[in-house]
Amino acid sequence: MIKVYGHPMSTCTRKVLTTLVEHGIPHEMQLVDLMTGAHKQPEHLARQPFGQIPTIDDDGFTLYESRVICRYLDEKAGGNLTPKDIQAKAVMEQWISVETSNFTPHVMKFVYHHVFQRKQDEKVLEEAAGKVKEALGVMDKHLAKNQYFAGGDFSLADISFMPYFEYAMATPVKDMILAHQNVAKWWERVSTRSSWKRVTNK
């Protein structure tokens, strides 16, 4: 059975858990308590030398970095969350890259400030708001023609965005999301999936 060393509230852990649940892969959570600094202790650093979460242990094979873990788990289970068509797969990878570079770093400024109470300077939030609006505009145009980021089917690209949207909806970013009709509809579709409800205990 695959062991997931992480925390259920962690965005990156949730990506991995969603992939596991989508595939029905048996797994067990090994809690790494961030509040006590367990992720910086020698035991966890032996699994993840950067002191981050999550890490998985698949019968002795250890792997870290959530997006890589998701790709590994999907391929191991048959690849149903990755398009078979080479161009559609490239589009999926493109959107995972957009999530990593153009969306998440800016959204997380609001999440830090409003959810985790790690206060951000007003100028930082103002600049982040501009970047988030830009990303949402690009996403909205794409989702006007596609149900999901890789096209007609739910994929790893959608999973990559979902944890950040979940937290963003508890911040002023919610209004920005709802102002983009196609993005809002996408979020409604993916956030009601049974896998996501299970991972987020909803």
Protein backbone atom coordinates (compact mmCIF):
# COMPACT_ATOMS: atom_id res chain seq x y z
CA MET A 1 0.00 0.00 0.00
CA ILE A 2 1.22 3.47 -0.88
CA LYS A 3 2.09 5.66 2.09
CA VAL A 4 1.57 9.39 1.76
CA TYR A 5 3.69 11.50 4.08
CA GLY A 6 1.89 14.82 4.22
CA HIS A 7 -0.94 16.78 5.75
CA PRO A 8 -4.61 16.71 4.65
CA MET A 9 -4.83 20.52 4.65
CA SER A 10 -1.75 20.92 2.46
CA THR A 11 -2.43 22.00 -1.12
CA CYS A 12 0.24 19.74 -2.55
CA THR A 13 -0.85 16.78 -0.46
CA ARG A 14 -4.41 17.28 -1.70
CA LYS A 15 -3.26 17.00 -5.31
CA VAL A 16 -1.72 13.62 -4.58
CA LEU A 17 -4.70 12.42 -2.55
CA THR A 18 -7.12 13.44 -5.31
CA THR A 19 -5.12 11.49 -7.88
CA LEU A 20 -5.10 8.44 -5.61
CA VAL A 21 -8.84 8.64 -4.96
CA GLU A 22 -9.67 9.22 -8.63
CA HIS A 23 -7.93 5.93 -9.41
CA GLY A 24 -9.11 4.08 -6.32
CA ILE A 25 -5.51 3.32 -5.35
CA PRO A 26 -5.21 1.97 -1.78
CA HIS A 27 -3.16 4.31 0.37
CA GLU A 28 -2.62 5.43 3.92
CA MET A 29 -1.80 8.86 5.27
CA GLN A 30 1.26 9.29 7.44
CA LEU A 31 0.71 12.67 9.08
CA VAL A 32 3.60 15.13 8.97
CA ASP A 33 2.62 17.81 11.49
CA LEU A 34 3.72 21.15 10.07
CA MET A 35 2.78 22.98 13.27
CA THR A 36 5.36 21.07 15.27
CA GLY A 37 8.00 21.34 12.55
CA ALA A 38 7.98 17.61 11.82
CA HIS A 39 8.76 18.35 8.17
CA LYS A 40 12.15 19.76 9.21
CA GLN A 41 13.16 16.83 11.39
CA PRO A 42 15.79 14.27 10.29
CA GLU A 43 13.22 11.50 9.84
CA HIS A 44 11.29 13.47 7.22
CA LEU A 45 14.37 15.09 5.69
CA ALA A 46 15.58 11.57 4.87
CA ARG A 47 12.48 11.29 2.65
CA GLN A 48 12.32 14.89 1.42
CA PRO A 49 15.66 16.74 1.68
CA PHE A 50 13.99 20.15 1.22
CA GLY A 51 11.73 19.64 4.22
CA GLN A 52 8.50 19.90 2.25
CA ILE A 53 5.42 17.75 1.79
CA PRO A 54 4.20 15.42 0.45
CA THR A 55 6.39 12.41 -0.17
CA ILE A 56 5.17 8.94 -1.08
CA ASP A 57 6.57 5.51 -0.37
CA ASP A 58 5.45 2.90 -2.88
CA ASP A 59 6.80 -0.38 -1.52
CA GLY A 60 10.22 1.13 -0.87
CA PHE A 61 10.25 3.53 -3.82
CA THR A 62 10.15 7.09 -2.48
CA LEU A 63 9.23 10.14 -4.51
CA TYR A 64 8.64 13.81 -3.78
CA GLU A 65 7.28 16.89 -5.63
CA SER A 66 3.51 16.71 -5.89
CA ARG A 67 3.08 17.21 -9.64
CA VAL A 68 5.64 14.50 -10.36
CA ILE A 69 3.96 12.19 -7.85
CA CYS A 70 0.61 12.73 -9.57
CA ARG A 71 2.09 11.86 -12.95
CA TYR A 72 3.70 8.74 -11.49
CA LEU A 73 0.50 7.58 -9.81
CA ASP A 74 -1.56 8.21 -12.92
CA GLU A 75 0.82 6.26 -15.15
CA LYS A 76 0.99 3.45 -12.60
CA ALA A 77 -2.80 3.20 -12.66
CA GLY A 78 -3.14 3.22 -16.43
CA GLY A 79 -2.94 6.89 -17.32
CA ASN A 80 -6.65 7.74 -17.36
CA LEU A 81 -5.94 11.26 -16.13
CA THR A 82 -3.55 12.00 -19.00
CA PRO A 83 -4.79 12.41 -22.59
CA LYS A 84 -3.58 9.77 -25.03
CA ASP A 85 -3.47 12.22 -27.91
CA ILE A 86 -0.03 13.82 -28.04
CA GLN A 87 -1.36 17.34 -28.63
CA ALA A 88 -3.96 17.11 -25.89
CA LYS A 89 -1.26 15.83 -23.55
CA ALA A 90 0.92 18.80 -24.48
CA VAL A 91 -2.00 21.14 -23.67
CA MET A 92 -2.37 19.44 -20.29
CA GLU A 93 1.31 20.00 -19.56
CA GLN A 94 1.01 23.60 -20.72
CA TRP A 95 -1.74 24.29 -18.18
CA ILE A 96 0.15 22.56 -15.38
CA SER A 97 3.01 24.92 -16.20
CA VAL A 98 0.64 27.91 -16.17
CA GLU A 99 -0.66 26.82 -12.78
CA THR A 100 2.88 26.53 -11.44
CA SER A 101 4.23 29.81 -12.82
CA ASN A 102 1.39 32.19 -13.61
CA PHE A 103 -1.36 31.38 -11.12
CA THR A 104 -0.37 29.70 -7.88
CA PRO A 105 2.47 32.03 -6.74
CA HIS A 106 0.11 35.02 -6.93
CA VAL A 107 -3.02 33.38 -5.51
CA MET A 108 -1.02 32.10 -2.57
CA LYS A 109 -0.23 35.67 -1.51
CA PHE A 110 -3.94 36.05 -0.73
CA VAL A 111 -4.15 32.62 0.88
CA TYR A 112 -1.19 33.44 3.14
CA HIS A 113 -2.75 36.76 4.11
CA HIS A 114 -6.39 35.79 4.61
CA VAL A 115 -6.33 32.07 5.46
CA PHE A 116 -3.01 31.33 7.13
CA GLN A 117 -2.68 34.81 8.68
CA ARG A 118 0.81 35.33 7.31
CA LYS A 119 0.33 39.01 6.62
CA GLN A 120 1.42 40.36 3.24
CA ASP A 121 2.25 43.95 2.37
CA GLU A 122 -0.59 45.81 0.66
CA LYS A 123 1.58 46.49 -2.37
CA VAL A 124 2.36 42.78 -2.67
CA LEU A 125 -1.36 41.97 -2.66
CA GLU A 126 -2.07 44.68 -5.21
CA GLU A 127 0.55 43.32 -7.60
CA ALA A 128 -0.66 39.77 -7.01
CA ALA A 129 -4.24 40.80 -7.81
CA GLY A 130 -3.16 42.05 -11.21
CA LYS A 131 -1.38 38.79 -11.97
CA VAL A 132 -4.34 36.69 -10.81
CA LYS A 133 -6.75 38.68 -12.99
CA GLU A 134 -4.45 38.25 -15.97
CA ALA A 135 -4.25 34.48 -15.44
CA LEU A 136 -8.01 34.15 -14.91
CA GLY A 137 -8.63 36.06 -18.14
CA VAL A 138 -6.47 33.65 -20.11
CA MET A 139 -8.04 30.66 -18.38
CA ASP A 140 -11.55 31.96 -19.02
CA LYS A 141 -10.98 32.21 -22.78
CA HIS A 142 -9.68 28.65 -22.87
CA LEU A 143 -12.50 27.27 -20.74
CA ALA A 144 -15.07 28.98 -22.96
CA LYS A 145 -14.24 26.29 -25.53
CA ASN A 146 -13.21 23.41 -23.24
CA GLN A 147 -14.91 21.79 -20.27
CA TYR A 148 -11.55 21.05 -18.70
CA PHE A 149 -8.01 22.33 -19.14
CA ALA A 150 -6.86 19.47 -21.38
CA GLY A 151 -10.07 19.51 -23.41
CA GLY A 152 -13.17 17.40 -22.87
CA ASP A 153 -11.85 15.18 -20.10
CA PHE A 154 -10.82 15.77 -16.51
CA SER A 155 -7.03 15.49 -16.18
CA LEU A 156 -4.01 16.11 -14.00
CA ALA A 157 -4.11 19.75 -15.12
CA ASP A 158 -7.43 20.24 -13.35
CA ILE A 159 -6.14 18.50 -10.23
CA SER A 160 -3.13 20.83 -10.21
CA PHE A 161 -5.35 23.91 -9.95
CA MET A 162 -7.99 22.61 -7.55
CA PRO A 163 -6.34 22.98 -4.11
CA TYR A 164 -5.45 26.59 -4.82
CA PHE A 165 -8.97 27.42 -5.95
CA GLU A 166 -10.35 25.82 -2.80
CA TYR A 167 -8.38 28.19 -0.58
CA ALA A 168 -8.74 31.17 -2.93
CA MET A 169 -12.52 30.97 -2.55
CA ALA A 170 -12.02 31.97 1.10
CA THR A 171 -10.25 35.17 0.06
CA PRO A 172 -11.10 38.25 -2.06
CA VAL A 173 -9.94 36.23 -5.07
CA LYS A 174 -13.39 34.62 -4.94
CA ASP A 175 -14.90 37.72 -6.52
CA MET A 176 -12.30 37.64 -9.29
CA ILE A 177 -13.10 33.98 -9.99
CA LEU A 178 -16.86 34.54 -10.05
CA ALA A 179 -16.36 37.47 -12.44
CA HIS A 180 -15.01 34.98 -14.98
CA GLN A 181 -18.03 32.92 -15.95
CA ASN A 182 -16.24 30.03 -17.61
CA VAL A 183 -13.71 29.65 -14.81
CA ALA A 184 -16.55 29.71 -12.27
CA LYS A 185 -18.41 26.98 -14.17
CA TRP A 186 -15.24 24.88 -14.33
CA TRP A 187 -14.77 25.23 -10.58
CA GLU A 188 -18.36 24.16 -9.96
CA ARG A 189 -17.80 21.06 -12.13
CA VAL A 190 -14.57 19.94 -10.53
CA SER A 191 -15.31 20.88 -6.93
CA THR A 192 -18.40 18.64 -6.90
CA ARG A 193 -16.50 15.52 -7.97
CA SER A 194 -16.76 12.75 -5.42
CA SER A 195 -12.97 12.44 -5.21
CA TRP A 196 -12.59 16.10 -4.25
CA LYS A 197 -15.39 15.91 -1.71
CA ARG A 198 -13.69 12.93 -0.12
CA VAL A 199 -10.29 14.61 0.00
CA THR A 200 -11.71 17.82 1.48
CA ASN A 201 -14.20 16.01 3.76
CA LYS A 202 -17.23 17.73 2.25
